[in-house]
C-alpha atoms as a PDB file:
ATOM      1  CA  MET A   1     -28.639  56.211  42.097  1.00  0.00           C
ATOM      2  CA  LYS A   2     -25.535  55.726  42.802  1.00  0.00           C
ATOM      3  CA  TYR A   3     -23.144  54.682  40.163  1.00  0.00           C
ATOM      4  CA  TYR A   4     -19.818  52.928  40.120  1.00  0.00           C
ATOM      5  CA  LEU A   5     -16.941  53.047  36.754  1.00  0.00           C
ATOM      6  CA  GLY A   6     -14.499  50.405  35.947  1.00  0.00           C
ATOM      7  CA  ILE A   7     -11.563  50.910  33.079  1.00  0.00           C
ATOM      8  CA  ASP A   8      -9.489  48.132  31.593  1.00  0.00           C
ATOM      9  CA  GLY A   9      -6.773  50.156  29.476  1.00  0.00           C
ATOM     10  CA  GLY A  10      -4.964  47.845  27.212  1.00  0.00           C
ATOM     11  CA  GLY A  11      -2.377  48.637  24.909  1.00  0.00           C
ATOM     12  CA  THR A  12      -4.679  48.898  22.145  1.00  0.00           C
ATOM     13  CA  ARG A  13      -8.102  49.893  23.380  1.00  0.00           C
ATOM     14  CA  THR A  14     -10.143  51.473  26.576  1.00  0.00           C
ATOM     15  CA  THR A  15     -13.160  49.525  27.376  1.00  0.00           C
ATOM     16  CA  ALA A  16     -15.572  51.601  30.476  1.00  0.00           C
ATOM     17  CA  ALA A  17     -18.091  50.127  32.129  1.00  0.00           C
ATOM     18  CA  VAL A  18     -20.811  51.789  33.979  1.00  0.00           C
ATOM     19  CA  SER A  19     -22.622  49.713  37.154  1.00  0.00           C
ATOM     20  CA  ASP A  20     -25.502  51.029  39.432  1.00  0.00           C
ATOM     21  CA  GLU A  21     -26.406  50.225  42.924  1.00  0.00           C
ATOM     22  CA  ASN A  22     -27.065  46.593  42.595  1.00  0.00           C
ATOM     23  CA  GLY A  23     -23.553  45.845  40.633  1.00  0.00           C
ATOM     24  CA  LYS A  24     -25.605  45.914  37.324  1.00  0.00           C
ATOM     25  CA  VAL A  25     -24.307  46.819  34.387  1.00  0.00           C
ATOM     26  CA  ILE A  26     -25.809  49.752  32.545  1.00  0.00           C
ATOM     27  CA  LEU A  27     -23.761  50.465  29.722  1.00  0.00           C
ATOM     28  CA  LYS A  28     -20.300  50.365  28.459  1.00  0.00           C
ATOM     29  CA  ALA A  29     -18.011  52.928  26.247  1.00  0.00           C
ATOM     30  CA  VAL A  30     -14.524  51.851  23.864  1.00  0.00           C
ATOM     31  CA  GLY A  31     -11.964  53.952  23.283  1.00  0.00           C
ATOM     32  CA  LYS A  32      -8.020  54.043  22.883  1.00  0.00           C
ATOM     33  CA  SER A  33      -5.637  53.471  24.854  1.00  0.00           C
ATOM     34  CA  ILE A  34      -4.975  55.355  27.724  1.00  0.00           C
ATOM     35  CA  ASN A  35      -1.503  53.721  27.787  1.00  0.00           C
ATOM     36  CA  PHE A  36       0.165  57.401  28.958  1.00  0.00           C
ATOM     37  CA  TYR A  37       4.125  55.480  28.208  1.00  0.00           C
ATOM     38  CA  SER A  38       3.002  54.592  24.579  1.00  0.00           C
ATOM     39  CA  VAL A  39       0.655  57.773  23.676  1.00  0.00           C
ATOM     40  CA  GLY A  40       2.334  60.398  25.337  1.00  0.00           C
ATOM     41  CA  MET A  41       0.495  61.754  28.708  1.00  0.00           C
ATOM     42  CA  GLU A  42      -1.406  64.002  26.515  1.00  0.00           C
ATOM     43  CA  LYS A  43      -3.274  61.911  24.065  1.00  0.00           C
ATOM     44  CA  ALA A  44      -4.350  59.160  27.112  1.00  0.00           C
ATOM     45  CA  ARG A  45      -6.139  62.337  28.534  1.00  0.00           C
ATOM     46  CA  GLU A  46      -7.513  62.835  25.096  1.00  0.00           C
ATOM     47  CA  ASN A  47      -8.648  59.588  25.028  1.00  0.00           C
ATOM     48  CA  LEU A  48      -9.854  58.803  27.761  1.00  0.00           C
ATOM     49  CA  LYS A  49     -12.146  61.760  27.575  1.00  0.00           C
ATOM     50  CA  ASP A  50     -13.828  60.355  24.441  1.00  0.00           C
ATOM     51  CA  VAL A  51     -14.373  57.800  26.994  1.00  0.00           C
ATOM     52  CA  ILE A  52     -15.793  59.287  29.433  1.00  0.00           C
ATOM     53  CA  TYR A  53     -17.696  62.040  26.576  1.00  0.00           C
ATOM     54  CA  GLN A  54     -19.481  58.786  25.893  1.00  0.00           C
ATOM     55  CA  ILE A  55     -21.060  57.805  29.158  1.00  0.00           C
ATOM     56  CA  LYS A  56     -21.957  61.652  29.329  1.00  0.00           C
ATOM     57  CA  ASN A  57     -24.101  61.326  26.540  1.00  0.00           C
ATOM     58  CA  ASN A  58     -26.145  58.348  28.166  1.00  0.00           C
ATOM     59  CA  LEU A  59     -25.839  59.499  32.050  1.00  0.00           C
ATOM     60  CA  GLY A  60     -25.211  63.045  32.084  1.00  0.00           C
ATOM     61  CA  GLU A  61     -23.492  64.503  34.443  1.00  0.00           C
ATOM     62  CA  THR A  62     -22.259  61.710  37.087  1.00  0.00           C
ATOM     63  CA  GLU A  63     -20.233  61.477  39.988  1.00  0.00           C
ATOM     64  CA  PHE A  64     -19.432  58.283  40.307  1.00  0.00           C
ATOM     65  CA  GLU A  65     -19.674  56.529  43.936  1.00  0.00           C
ATOM     66  CA  SER A  66     -15.920  55.100  42.743  1.00  0.00           C
ATOM     67  CA  THR A  67     -14.065  54.088  39.993  1.00  0.00           C
ATOM     68  CA  PHE A  68     -10.800  51.653  39.345  1.00  0.00           C
ATOM     69  CA  ILE A  69      -8.558  51.364  36.095  1.00  0.00           C
ATOM     70  CA  GLY A  70      -6.502  48.848  35.147  1.00  0.00           C
ATOM     71  CA  CYS A  71      -3.917  50.493  33.121  1.00  0.00           C
ATOM     72  CA  SER A  72      -1.209  48.653  31.233  1.00  0.00           C
ATOM     73  CA  ALA A  73       0.918  51.643  31.967  1.00  0.00           C
ATOM     74  CA  LEU A  74       1.556  50.517  35.129  1.00  0.00           C
ATOM     75  CA  ASP A  75       3.225  47.622  37.310  1.00  0.00           C
ATOM     76  CA  ASP A  76       1.596  47.781  40.847  1.00  0.00           C
ATOM     77  CA  GLU A  77      -0.613  50.568  42.367  1.00  0.00           C
ATOM     78  CA  ALA A  78      -0.579  54.320  40.506  1.00  0.00           C
ATOM     79  CA  GLU A  79       0.961  56.719  42.929  1.00  0.00           C
ATOM     80  CA  VAL A  80      -1.561  59.940  43.809  1.00  0.00           C
ATOM     81  CA  LYS A  81       0.015  61.926  41.858  1.00  0.00           C
ATOM     82  CA  THR A  82      -0.429  60.099  37.907  1.00  0.00           C
ATOM     83  CA  ILE A  83      -3.983  58.999  39.057  1.00  0.00           C
ATOM     84  CA  ASN A  84      -4.376  63.080  39.245  1.00  0.00           C
ATOM     85  CA  ALA A  85      -1.995  63.377  35.557  1.00  0.00           C
ATOM     86  CA  LEU A  86      -4.401  60.726  34.275  1.00  0.00           C
ATOM     87  CA  CYS A  87      -7.835  61.739  35.341  1.00  0.00           C
ATOM     88  CA  ASN A  88      -8.362  65.321  36.750  1.00  0.00           C
ATOM     89  CA  GLY A  89     -10.622  67.342  35.312  1.00  0.00           C
ATOM     90  CA  ILE A  90     -11.859  64.054  33.341  1.00  0.00           C
ATOM     91  CA  ILE A  91     -14.060  62.001  35.786  1.00  0.00           C
ATOM     92  CA  ASN A  92     -15.898  62.991  38.619  1.00  0.00           C
ATOM     93  CA  ALA A  93     -15.087  59.817  41.478  1.00  0.00           C
ATOM     94  CA  LYS A  94     -15.312  60.352  45.153  1.00  0.00           C
ATOM     95  CA  LYS A  95     -13.174  57.489  45.188  1.00  0.00           C
ATOM     96  CA  ILE A  96     -10.232  56.908  42.189  1.00  0.00           C
ATOM     97  CA  GLY A  97      -7.918  53.871  42.384  1.00  0.00           C
ATOM     98  CA  MET A  98      -5.847  52.524  39.534  1.00  0.00           C
ATOM     99  CA  ASN A  99      -3.690  49.864  38.751  1.00  0.00           C
ATOM    100  CA  SER A 100      -1.760  47.373  36.585  1.00  0.00           C
ATOM    101  CA  ASP A 101      -4.488  45.963  33.139  1.00  0.00           C
ATOM    102  CA  VAL A 102      -3.654  42.064  34.618  1.00  0.00           C
ATOM    103  CA  PHE A 103      -4.500  43.692  38.051  1.00  0.00           C
ATOM    104  CA  VAL A 104      -8.180  43.644  36.909  1.00  0.00           C
ATOM    105  CA  ALA A 105      -8.308  40.915  34.743  1.00  0.00           C
ATOM    106  CA  LEU A 106      -7.500  39.315  37.721  1.00  0.00           C
ATOM    107  CA  ALA A 107     -10.338  40.499  39.648  1.00  0.00           C
ATOM    108  CA  SER A 108     -12.173  38.913  36.766  1.00  0.00           C
ATOM    109  CA  SER A 109     -10.561  35.728  36.749  1.00  0.00           C
ATOM    110  CA  GLY A 110     -12.853  34.019  39.134  1.00  0.00           C
ATOM    111  CA  GLU A 111     -12.372  33.007  43.178  1.00  0.00           C
ATOM    112  CA  ASP A 112     -10.084  30.677  43.284  1.00  0.00           C
ATOM    113  CA  LYS A 113      -8.159  31.149  46.494  1.00  0.00           C
ATOM    114  CA  CYS A 114      -5.019  30.113  44.298  1.00  0.00           C
ATOM    115  CA  ARG A 115      -5.479  31.389  39.948  1.00  0.00           C
ATOM    116  CA  VAL A 116      -3.310  33.132  37.315  1.00  0.00           C
ATOM    117  CA  VAL A 117      -4.218  34.987  34.619  1.00  0.00           C
ATOM    118  CA  ALA A 118      -2.314  35.419  30.930  1.00  0.00           C
ATOM    119  CA  ILE A 119      -2.162  38.098  29.075  1.00  0.00           C
ATOM    120  CA  CYS A 120      -1.213  38.160  25.700  1.00  0.00           C
ATOM    121  CA  GLY A 121      -2.352  41.604  23.866  1.00  0.00           C
ATOM    122  CA  THR A 122      -0.807  44.358  21.985  1.00  0.00           C
ATOM    123  CA  GLY A 123       1.859  43.582  24.756  1.00  0.00           C
ATOM    124  CA  SER A 124       2.311  40.533  27.505  1.00  0.00           C
ATOM    125  CA  ILE A 125       2.234  39.730  31.337  1.00  0.00           C
ATOM    126  CA  VAL A 126       1.131  37.075  33.401  1.00  0.00           C
ATOM    127  CA  THR A 127      -0.271  37.170  37.434  1.00  0.00           C
ATOM    128  CA  GLY A 128      -1.012  35.327  39.643  1.00  0.00           C
ATOM    129  CA  ILE A 129      -3.018  35.481  43.761  1.00  0.00           C
ATOM    130  CA  ASP A 130      -1.666  32.414  46.188  1.00  0.00           C
ATOM    131  CA  GLU A 131      -3.482  31.050  49.105  1.00  0.00           C
ATOM    132  CA  SER A 132      -2.272  34.000  51.314  1.00  0.00           C
ATOM    133  CA  GLY A 133      -3.885  36.880  48.934  1.00  0.00           C
ATOM    134  CA  ASN A 134       0.050  37.442  47.401  1.00  0.00           C
ATOM    135  CA  VAL A 135       0.306  39.073  43.858  1.00  0.00           C
ATOM    136  CA  LYS A 136       3.114  37.972  42.060  1.00  0.00           C
ATOM    137  CA  THR A 137       3.754  38.825  38.499  1.00  0.00           C
ATOM    138  CA  LYS A 138       6.100  37.706  35.885  1.00  0.00           C
ATOM    139  CA  GLY A 139       7.017  39.176  32.707  1.00  0.00           C
ATOM    140  CA  GLY A 140       5.446  42.909  31.442  1.00  0.00           C
ATOM    141  CA  TRP A 141       9.165  44.709  31.228  1.00  0.00           C
ATOM    142  CA  GLY A 142       7.571  46.825  27.816  1.00  0.00           C
ATOM    143  CA  HIS A 143       8.292  46.085  23.944  1.00  0.00           C
ATOM    144  CA  ILE A 144      11.686  47.661  24.234  1.00  0.00           C
ATOM    145  CA  PHE A 145      13.129  44.747  26.374  1.00  0.00           C
ATOM    146  CA  GLY A 146      10.512  42.298  26.742  1.00  0.00           C
ATOM    147  CA  ASP A 147       6.955  41.103  26.060  1.00  0.00           C
ATOM    148  CA  GLU A 148       7.540  37.866  24.087  1.00  0.00           C
ATOM    149  CA  GLY A 149       4.521  36.716  22.536  1.00  0.00           C
ATOM    150  CA  SER A 150       2.425  39.942  22.202  1.00  0.00           C
ATOM    151  CA  ALA A 151       0.753  41.231  19.264  1.00  0.00           C
ATOM    152  CA  TYR A 152       3.851  44.128  18.888  1.00  0.00           C
ATOM    153  CA  SER A 153       6.704  41.085  19.635  1.00  0.00           C
ATOM    154  CA  ILE A 154       5.245  38.956  16.985  1.00  0.00           C
ATOM    155  CA  ALA A 155       4.972  42.019  14.963  1.00  0.00           C
ATOM    156  CA  VAL A 156       8.224  43.478  15.258  1.00  0.00           C
ATOM    157  CA  ASN A 157       9.754  39.931  14.702  1.00  0.00           C
ATOM    158  CA  SER A 158       8.179  39.043  11.612  1.00  0.00           C
ATOM    159  CA  LEU A 159       8.886  42.337   9.210  1.00  0.00           C
ATOM    160  CA  LYS A 160      12.644  41.394  10.886  1.00  0.00           C
ATOM    161  CA  ALA A 161      12.041  38.579   9.082  1.00  0.00           C
ATOM    162  CA  SER A 162      10.677  39.998   6.027  1.00  0.00           C
ATOM    163  CA  ALA A 163      13.507  42.498   5.954  1.00  0.00           C
ATOM    164  CA  MET A 164      15.239  39.200   5.751  1.00  0.00           C
ATOM    165  CA  LEU A 165      13.854  37.401   3.058  1.00  0.00           C
ATOM    166  CA  TYR A 166      13.511  40.459   0.771  1.00  0.00           C
ATOM    167  CA  ASP A 167      17.637  41.801   1.267  1.00  0.00           C
ATOM    168  CA  GLU A 168      17.632  37.363  -0.124  1.00  0.00           C
ATOM    169  CA  GLY A 169      15.483  37.896  -3.201  1.00  0.00           C
ATOM    170  CA  GLN A 170      12.572  36.020  -1.712  1.00  0.00           C
ATOM    171  CA  LYS A 171       9.516  37.132  -2.472  1.00  0.00           C
ATOM    172  CA  THR A 172       7.584  34.649  -0.185  1.00  0.00           C
ATOM    173  CA  PRO A 173       3.908  35.339   1.361  1.00  0.00           C
ATOM    174  CA  LEU A 174       5.164  36.968   4.682  1.00  0.00           C
ATOM    175  CA  VAL A 175       7.273  39.464   2.709  1.00  0.00           C
ATOM    176  CA  LYS A 176       3.982  40.467   0.104  1.00  0.00           C
ATOM    177  CA  CYS A 177       1.775  40.667   3.616  1.00  0.00           C
ATOM    178  CA  ALA A 178       4.502  43.455   5.221  1.00  0.00           C
ATOM    179  CA  GLU A 179       3.796  45.403   1.746  1.00  0.00           C
ATOM    180  CA  GLU A 180       0.664  45.071   1.509  1.00  0.00           C
ATOM    181  CA  TYR A 181      -0.097  45.762   5.336  1.00  0.00           C
ATOM    182  CA  PHE A 182       2.246  49.076   4.780  1.00  0.00           C
ATOM    183  CA  GLY A 183       0.518  50.364   1.606  1.00  0.00           C
ATOM    184  CA  VAL A 184       3.766  49.876  -0.450  1.00  0.00           C
ATOM    185  CA  ASP A 185       5.188  47.544  -4.051  1.00  0.00           C
ATOM    186  CA  ASP A 186       8.331  47.501  -1.906  1.00  0.00           C
ATOM    187  CA  LEU A 187       9.439  46.574   0.979  1.00  0.00           C
ATOM    188  CA  ARG A 188      11.661  49.000   1.279  1.00  0.00           C
ATOM    189  CA  LYS A 189       9.482  51.634   0.589  1.00  0.00           C
ATOM    190  CA  ALA A 190       7.891  50.508   3.821  1.00  0.00           C
ATOM    191  CA  ILE A 191      11.146  52.267   5.512  1.00  0.00           C
ATOM    192  CA  ASP A 192       9.513  55.692   6.312  1.00  0.00           C
ATOM    193  CA  LYS A 193       6.022  54.768   7.143  1.00  0.00           C
ATOM    194  CA  ILE A 194       7.190  52.132   9.381  1.00  0.00           C
ATOM    195  CA  TYR A 195       9.505  54.717  11.547  1.00  0.00           C
ATOM    196  CA  SER A 196       7.017  57.774  11.258  1.00  0.00           C
ATOM    197  CA  THR A 197       6.130  58.973  14.322  1.00  0.00           C
ATOM    198  CA  GLU A 198       2.338  58.140  12.696  1.00  0.00           C
ATOM    199  CA  THR A 199       2.908  54.307  12.729  1.00  0.00           C
ATOM    200  CA  THR A 200       2.244  54.303  16.816  1.00  0.00           C
ATOM    201  CA  LYS A 201       2.777  51.001  19.243  1.00  0.00           C
ATOM    202  CA  ASP A 202      -0.445  49.839  18.310  1.00  0.00           C
ATOM    203  CA  VAL A 203      -0.443  50.223  14.987  1.00  0.00           C
ATOM    204  CA  LEU A 204       2.714  47.624  14.176  1.00  0.00           C
ATOM    205  CA  ALA A 205       0.979  45.224  17.123  1.00  0.00           C
ATOM    206  CA  ASP A 206      -1.942  45.277  14.864  1.00  0.00           C
ATOM    207  CA  PHE A 207       0.535  43.911  11.999  1.00  0.00           C
ATOM    208  CA  ALA A 208       1.051  40.442  13.728  1.00  0.00           C
ATOM    209  CA  LYS A 209      -3.427  39.464  13.053  1.00  0.00           C
ATOM    210  CA  LYS A 210      -1.474  39.578   9.425  1.00  0.00           C
ATOM    211  CA  VAL A 211       0.652  36.845  10.425  1.00  0.00           C
ATOM    212  CA  ALA A 212      -2.027  35.269  11.642  1.00  0.00           C
ATOM    213  CA  GLU A 213      -3.443  34.803   8.316  1.00  0.00           C
ATOM    214  CA  ILE A 214      -1.092  33.377   6.285  1.00  0.00           C
ATOM    215  CA  ALA A 215       0.888  31.247   9.222  1.00  0.00           C
ATOM    216  CA  GLU A 216      -0.413  28.141   7.193  1.00  0.00           C
ATOM    217  CA  GLU A 217       1.320  29.225   4.178  1.00  0.00           C
ATOM    218  CA  ASP A 218       3.672  30.414   5.440  1.00  0.00           C
ATOM    219  CA  PHE A 219       6.663  28.769   6.635  1.00  0.00           C
ATOM    220  CA  VAL A 220       8.891  31.848   8.672  1.00  0.00           C
ATOM    221  CA  ALA A 221       5.858  33.535   9.678  1.00  0.00           C
ATOM    222  CA  LYS A 222       4.184  29.933  11.423  1.00  0.00           C
ATOM    223  CA  THR A 223       8.035  29.657  13.325  1.00  0.00           C
ATOM    224  CA  VAL A 224       7.653  33.443  14.452  1.00  0.00           C
ATOM    225  CA  ILE A 225       4.264  32.686  15.826  1.00  0.00           C
ATOM    226  CA  ILE A 226       5.164  29.832  17.770  1.00  0.00           C
ATOM    227  CA  ASN A 227       8.164  30.412  19.215  1.00  0.00           C
ATOM    228  CA  GLU A 228       6.793  33.814  20.766  1.00  0.00           C
ATOM    229  CA  ALA A 229       3.983  31.111  22.377  1.00  0.00           C
ATOM    230  CA  HIS A 230       7.053  29.025  23.271  1.00  0.00           C
ATOM    231  CA  PHE A 231       9.067  32.457  25.020  1.00  0.00           C
ATOM    232  CA  PHE A 232       6.086  33.360  26.554  1.00  0.00           C
ATOM    233  CA  SER A 233       4.926  29.794  27.668  1.00  0.00           C
ATOM    234  CA  LYS A 234       8.437  29.995  29.539  1.00  0.00           C
ATOM    235  CA  THR A 235       7.101  33.210  31.941  1.00  0.00           C
ATOM    236  CA  VAL A 236       4.711  31.701  32.854  1.00  0.00           C
ATOM    237  CA  LEU A 237       6.008  28.593  33.465  1.00  0.00           C
ATOM    238  CA  ALA A 238       8.036  30.244  35.708  1.00  0.00           C
ATOM    239  CA  LEU A 239       5.507  31.907  37.556  1.00  0.00           C
ATOM    240  CA  LEU A 240       3.441  28.467  37.805  1.00  0.00           C
ATOM    241  CA  ASN A 241       6.038  26.975  39.089  1.00  0.00           C
ATOM    242  CA  GLU A 242       6.056  29.453  42.174  1.00  0.00           C
ATOM    243  CA  MET A 243       2.150  28.213  42.450  1.00  0.00           C
ATOM    244  CA  ARG A 244       2.214  24.481  42.604  1.00  0.00           C
ATOM    245  CA  ASN A 245      -1.659  25.063  43.949  1.00  0.00           C
ATOM    246  CA  CYS A 246      -2.537  26.398  41.339  1.00  0.00           C
ATOM    247  CA  LYS A 247      -5.927  25.238  39.482  1.00  0.00           C
ATOM    248  CA  LEU A 248      -6.834  27.982  36.867  1.00  0.00           C
ATOM    249  CA  LEU A 249      -4.585  29.644  34.363  1.00  0.00           C
ATOM    250  CA  SER A 250      -7.222  31.790  32.635  1.00  0.00           C
ATOM    251  CA  LEU A 251      -5.990  33.248  29.309  1.00  0.00           C
ATOM    252  CA  TYR A 252      -7.401  36.717  27.816  1.00  0.00           C
ATOM    253  CA  GLY A 253      -6.129  39.313  24.909  1.00  0.00           C
ATOM    254  CA  GLY A 254      -6.075  39.665  21.780  1.00  0.00           C
ATOM    255  CA  VAL A 255      -3.589  37.053  20.211  1.00  0.00           C
ATOM    256  CA  PHE A 256      -4.788  34.534  22.476  1.00  0.00           C
ATOM    257  CA  GLN A 257      -8.923  35.254  21.606  1.00  0.00           C
ATOM    258  CA  ASN A 258      -7.703  35.388  17.817  1.00  0.00           C
ATOM    259  CA  ASN A 259      -4.642  33.026  17.310  1.00  0.00           C
ATOM    260  CA  GLU A 260      -5.267  29.743  17.255  1.00  0.00           C
ATOM    261  CA  LEU A 261      -1.794  28.391  16.173  1.00  0.00           C
ATOM    262  CA  PHE A 262      -0.457  30.513  19.115  1.00  0.00           C
ATOM    263  CA  ARG A 263      -2.675  29.280  21.690  1.00  0.00           C
ATOM    264  CA  ASN A 264      -2.443  26.195  21.128  1.00  0.00           C
ATOM    265  CA  SER A 265       0.985  25.960  20.860  1.00  0.00           C
ATOM    266  CA  PHE A 266       0.815  28.138  24.516  1.00  0.00           C
ATOM    267  CA  ILE A 267      -1.683  25.711  25.690  1.00  0.00           C
ATOM    268  CA  GLU A 268       0.383  23.044  24.717  1.00  0.00           C
ATOM    269  CA  ASP A 269       3.627  23.583  26.272  1.00  0.00           C
ATOM    270  CA  ILE A 270       1.763  24.529  29.622  1.00  0.00           C
ATOM    271  CA  LYS A 271       0.270  21.078  29.610  1.00  0.00           C
ATOM    272  CA  GLU A 272       3.562  19.291  29.333  1.00  0.00           C
ATOM    273  CA  PHE A 273       3.865  20.206  32.756  1.00  0.00           C
ATOM    274  CA  HIS A 274       0.907  21.061  34.141  1.00  0.00           C
ATOM    275  CA  SER A 275      -0.941  18.373  33.198  1.00  0.00           C
ATOM    276  CA  ASP A 276      -4.250  18.609  35.467  1.00  0.00           C
ATOM    277  CA  LEU A 277      -4.176  22.803  35.515  1.00  0.00           C
ATOM    278  CA  LYS A 278      -7.440  24.288  33.498  1.00  0.00           C
ATOM    279  CA  ILE A 279      -6.772  26.292  31.369  1.00  0.00           C
ATOM    280  CA  GLU A 280      -9.695  28.950  29.687  1.00  0.00           C
ATOM    281  CA  MET A 281     -10.239  32.362  28.236  1.00  0.00           C
ATOM    282  CA  LEU A 282     -11.452  34.713  30.597  1.00  0.00           C
ATOM    283  CA  THR A 283     -14.972  34.548  30.943  1.00  0.00           C
ATOM    284  CA  LEU A 284     -15.675  37.818  32.582  1.00  0.00           C
ATOM    285  CA  PRO A 285     -14.684  41.225  31.075  1.00  0.00           C
ATOM    286  CA  PRO A 286     -11.562  42.660  32.657  1.00  0.00           C
ATOM    287  CA  GLU A 287     -13.087  46.556  32.587  1.00  0.00           C
ATOM    288  CA  GLU A 288     -15.776  44.187  34.469  1.00  0.00           C
ATOM    289  CA  GLY A 289     -13.497  42.836  36.999  1.00  0.00           C
ATOM    290  CA  ALA A 290     -12.434  47.022  37.606  1.00  0.00           C
ATOM    291  CA  LEU A 291     -16.069  47.568  38.533  1.00  0.00           C
ATOM    292  CA  LYS A 292     -15.516  44.846  40.854  1.00  0.00           C
ATOM    293  CA  ILE A 293     -12.868  46.401  42.873  1.00  0.00           C
ATOM    294  CA  ALA A 294     -14.691  49.945  42.219  1.00  0.00           C
ATOM    295  CA  ARG A 295     -17.653  48.477  44.198  1.00  0.00           C
ATOM    296  CA  GLY A 296     -15.296  47.034  46.897  1.00  0.00           C
ATOM    297  CA  MET A 297     -13.209  50.360  47.690  1.00  0.00           C
ATOM    298  CA  GLN A 298     -14.321  51.994  50.995  1.00  0.00           C
END
């Protein structure tokens, strides 16, 4: 029996899928992030090793015919040295390919000749493929000078707003939410925790879920979310304006999946300029898109 391995390595978690030679998905495994820019290469390898260990527990020692990895640390096809740095001694495969996580999401978005995928998870990015097979990308600049609409951006801007409200003496639901999330009774006590090396990017990004929960009762939290949706919609519109024949926009990532206010605000912005565009959540998970690519590797 021949086996193929597809991996989606997002900013918070990694999901792997294994299929047999007939294309049937026979198992999946989930682990922590392999984004080596966020967690470091040593930790990324450790997290990848954990995912592969889960697979070995089910399949035993297996050599994959081919493996394809979508990794949120990447913006394009990975060089061999990068693939080796992450995978050597961990993945046993005849062929290994690696590109950005949005690349495998694009492979999961169907067969339309012209289509776009927008991702809002820990980070944010949008990519599309036109009728000629050209792949175009906008956003994905990372958390330092981009990633509008991402969970990280929502979280950080909500924390900034919390600090301003606190300094003004306002104990709003957003301030209380931040204190509760970091386990303190006063927001200033959260400073050490927020700047701790243990508070990684994904831990901060997870605060966005709490912000979404209080958005209906807290005007500032609601405003942050809507503004982030507006900012990201501008990025997506920039790509759609270059791909006028696009009929499908697929959405993926925890922010789109779990934050209804964000999702509705974003779709409203897009529909204002592209009323006939079909917008839907990505139906095939990206790890299966990675599998699709792996099975087509020659």
